[in-house]
Amino acid sequence: MGEHEPAVTYASRIAALNGCNSLWSFGALTGLSALKLGQGDQDTPSRLSDLTGTDRSELERFTPITMTRAARSLGGQVFPNKDIKIQTQHICLICILDSSIDRELYFAAPRVFWYLDFVRTCPKHGLLLVPFFDAVLLRITDVRRMAKNGALEWQRPDQS
């Protein structure tokens, strides 16, 4: 698992590394429910743990788990559903650069804070998070060039 990675993205990366074109097809082969994993079903991490040999507590630590219709737990804290954006992420390009080895963005392990609507900067690098769909257009080589040229350095916005 990647640093601070949710179970659903871990399962997606495992699926891709095993030649499956989606988490859905991986689930069909293994009996893992992609829908339940994505929705934060409380029992699904056990199945993923059995498949991968990854400790269940590690899978659950950074996975949003549905508690009620209005709330999810994450890392022992309860958040309103509106604060956890599963479908839209904002990512740190330096985190992507650090966790990938000349591969596409898809192979980099996401951090759970990318899903939290109220987090706007990377806690590790202090950079403004970029919408994932904007970043998908970049390749790792582009990100490396941007980092080398200083284009990824965060600057405080002018408040005047």
Protein backbone atom coordinates (compact mmCIF):
# COMPACT_ATOMS: atom_id res chain seq x y z
CA MET A 1 0.00 0.00 0.00
CA GLY A 2 1.04 3.53 -0.62
CA GLU A 3 1.51 6.11 2.10
CA HIS A 4 -1.94 7.19 3.39
CA GLU A 5 -3.69 5.22 0.60
CA PRO A 6 -7.40 4.30 0.75
CA ALA A 7 -8.33 0.65 0.16
CA VAL A 8 -10.29 1.35 -3.03
CA THR A 9 -7.31 2.88 -4.82
CA TYR A 10 -5.03 0.15 -3.53
CA ALA A 11 -7.41 -2.44 -4.99
CA SER A 12 -7.51 -0.52 -8.30
CA ARG A 13 -3.74 -0.51 -8.51
CA ILE A 14 -3.60 -4.25 -7.66
CA ALA A 15 -6.17 -4.86 -10.41
CA ALA A 16 -4.11 -2.91 -12.98
CA LEU A 17 -0.89 -4.66 -12.01
CA ASN A 18 -2.66 -8.00 -12.52
CA GLY A 19 -3.81 -7.10 -16.03
CA CYS A 20 -7.41 -6.14 -15.25
CA ASN A 21 -8.69 -3.07 -17.04
CA SER A 22 -10.89 -2.02 -14.11
CA LEU A 23 -11.63 -2.66 -10.47
CA TRP A 24 -15.00 -4.02 -11.62
CA SER A 25 -13.40 -6.76 -13.73
CA PHE A 26 -10.96 -7.55 -10.91
CA GLY A 27 -13.94 -7.84 -8.55
CA ALA A 28 -15.73 -10.19 -10.95
CA LEU A 29 -12.70 -12.50 -10.94
CA THR A 30 -12.06 -12.37 -7.20
CA GLY A 31 -15.47 -11.89 -5.61
CA LEU A 32 -14.52 -8.45 -4.33
CA SER A 33 -17.32 -5.90 -4.62
CA ALA A 34 -15.89 -2.77 -6.21
CA LEU A 35 -19.10 -0.90 -5.43
CA LYS A 36 -19.03 -1.81 -1.74
CA LEU A 37 -15.33 -1.01 -1.48
CA GLY A 38 -15.85 2.38 -3.10
CA GLN A 39 -18.82 3.14 -0.88
CA GLY A 40 -16.89 2.29 2.27
CA ASP A 41 -18.70 -0.89 3.24
CA GLN A 42 -17.47 -2.06 6.65
CA ASP A 43 -16.98 -5.73 5.67
CA THR A 44 -15.30 -5.40 2.28
CA PRO A 45 -11.77 -4.61 3.56
CA SER A 46 -11.70 -8.15 5.03
CA ARG A 47 -12.10 -9.65 1.55
CA LEU A 48 -9.37 -7.39 0.14
CA SER A 49 -7.14 -8.33 3.07
CA ASP A 50 -7.67 -12.03 2.31
CA LEU A 51 -6.84 -11.49 -1.38
CA THR A 52 -3.71 -9.40 -0.94
CA GLY A 53 -2.34 -10.48 2.43
CA THR A 54 -2.42 -6.85 3.55
CA ASP A 55 -3.35 -6.31 7.18
CA ARG A 56 -7.01 -5.28 7.49
CA SER A 57 -6.18 -2.51 9.96
CA GLU A 58 -3.81 -0.99 7.36
CA LEU A 59 -6.57 -1.12 4.74
CA GLU A 60 -9.09 0.52 7.05
CA ARG A 61 -6.82 3.20 8.50
CA PHE A 62 -7.08 5.56 5.52
CA THR A 63 -10.32 4.26 4.02
CA PRO A 64 -13.53 6.27 4.44
CA ILE A 65 -16.02 3.83 6.00
CA THR A 66 -19.75 4.56 5.78
CA MET A 67 -21.24 4.92 9.26
CA THR A 68 -24.67 6.38 8.48
CA ARG A 69 -26.32 7.95 5.45
CA ALA A 70 -24.83 11.29 6.48
CA ALA A 71 -21.41 10.40 7.91
CA ARG A 72 -18.26 8.39 7.33
CA SER A 73 -15.41 7.52 9.62
CA LEU A 74 -11.83 8.05 8.55
CA GLY A 75 -8.84 7.34 10.75
CA GLY A 76 -11.03 7.15 13.85
CA GLN A 77 -12.78 10.48 13.19
CA VAL A 78 -16.30 11.03 11.89
CA PHE A 79 -16.84 13.38 8.94
CA PRO A 80 -20.00 14.50 7.16
CA ASN A 81 -20.31 12.81 3.76
CA LYS A 82 -20.05 16.20 2.05
CA ASP A 83 -16.45 16.57 3.30
CA ILE A 84 -15.23 13.37 1.65
CA LYS A 85 -15.20 13.58 -2.14
CA ILE A 86 -14.72 10.11 -3.58
CA GLN A 87 -15.39 11.03 -7.20
CA THR A 88 -13.37 14.26 -7.40
CA GLN A 89 -9.84 14.53 -6.09
CA HIS A 90 -7.24 17.25 -5.82
CA ILE A 91 -3.70 15.93 -5.93
CA CYS A 92 -0.16 17.05 -5.11
CA LEU A 93 2.09 16.82 -8.16
CA ILE A 94 5.20 16.43 -5.99
CA CYS A 95 3.60 13.47 -4.14
CA ILE A 96 2.90 11.95 -7.57
CA LEU A 97 6.47 12.57 -8.60
CA ASP A 98 7.79 11.02 -5.37
CA SER A 99 5.66 7.88 -5.63
CA SER A 100 6.11 7.07 -9.30
CA ILE A 101 9.04 5.71 -11.20
CA ASP A 102 8.68 6.98 -14.78
CA ARG A 103 5.12 5.70 -14.95
CA GLU A 104 1.78 7.26 -15.67
CA LEU A 105 -0.16 9.10 -12.95
CA TYR A 106 -2.40 6.05 -12.58
CA PHE A 107 0.34 4.00 -10.92
CA ALA A 108 1.06 6.55 -8.21
CA ALA A 109 -0.63 5.77 -4.89
CA PRO A 110 -3.20 8.42 -3.90
CA ARG A 111 -3.14 9.97 -0.43
CA VAL A 112 -6.37 9.98 1.56
CA PHE A 113 -6.24 13.74 2.18
CA TRP A 114 -6.75 14.23 -1.57
CA TYR A 115 -10.36 13.13 -0.98
CA LEU A 116 -11.05 15.62 1.80
CA ASP A 117 -12.88 18.65 0.44
CA PHE A 118 -11.51 21.04 3.05
CA VAL A 119 -7.82 20.20 2.44
CA ARG A 120 -6.41 22.65 -0.13
CA THR A 121 -2.65 22.20 0.24
CA CYS A 122 -0.42 19.18 0.60
CA PRO A 123 0.53 18.71 4.26
CA LYS A 124 3.87 17.23 3.20
CA HIS A 125 4.95 19.76 0.55
CA GLY A 126 2.81 22.83 1.25
CA LEU A 127 1.75 22.99 -2.41
CA LEU A 128 -1.71 23.88 -3.64
CA LEU A 129 -3.54 20.69 -4.65
CA VAL A 130 -4.42 20.44 -8.35
CA PRO A 131 -7.68 18.92 -9.67
CA PHE A 132 -6.94 15.34 -10.72
CA PHE A 133 -8.55 15.73 -14.14
CA ASP A 134 -6.22 18.66 -14.91
CA ALA A 135 -3.24 16.60 -13.79
CA VAL A 136 -4.22 13.56 -15.88
CA LEU A 137 -3.20 15.52 -18.94
CA LEU A 138 0.36 15.70 -17.59
CA ARG A 139 2.89 12.93 -17.83
CA ILE A 140 5.43 12.25 -15.13
CA THR A 141 8.14 13.63 -17.42
CA ASP A 142 6.19 16.92 -17.61
CA VAL A 143 5.92 17.02 -13.81
CA ARG A 144 9.66 16.38 -13.46
CA ARG A 145 10.39 19.25 -15.87
CA MET A 146 8.00 21.56 -14.00
CA ALA A 147 9.61 20.65 -10.66
CA LYS A 148 13.09 21.24 -12.06
CA ASN A 149 12.06 24.67 -13.38
CA GLY A 150 10.46 25.64 -10.06
CA ALA A 151 6.96 25.80 -11.57
CA LEU A 152 5.51 23.66 -8.77
CA GLU A 153 6.64 25.82 -5.90
CA TRP A 154 3.74 27.22 -3.94
CA GLN A 155 3.43 30.98 -3.60
CA ARG A 156 1.08 32.81 -1.28
CA PRO A 157 -1.70 34.45 -3.32
CA ASP A 158 -1.72 38.24 -3.39
CA GLN A 159 -4.41 39.35 -0.91
CA SER A 160 -4.36 43.04 -1.89
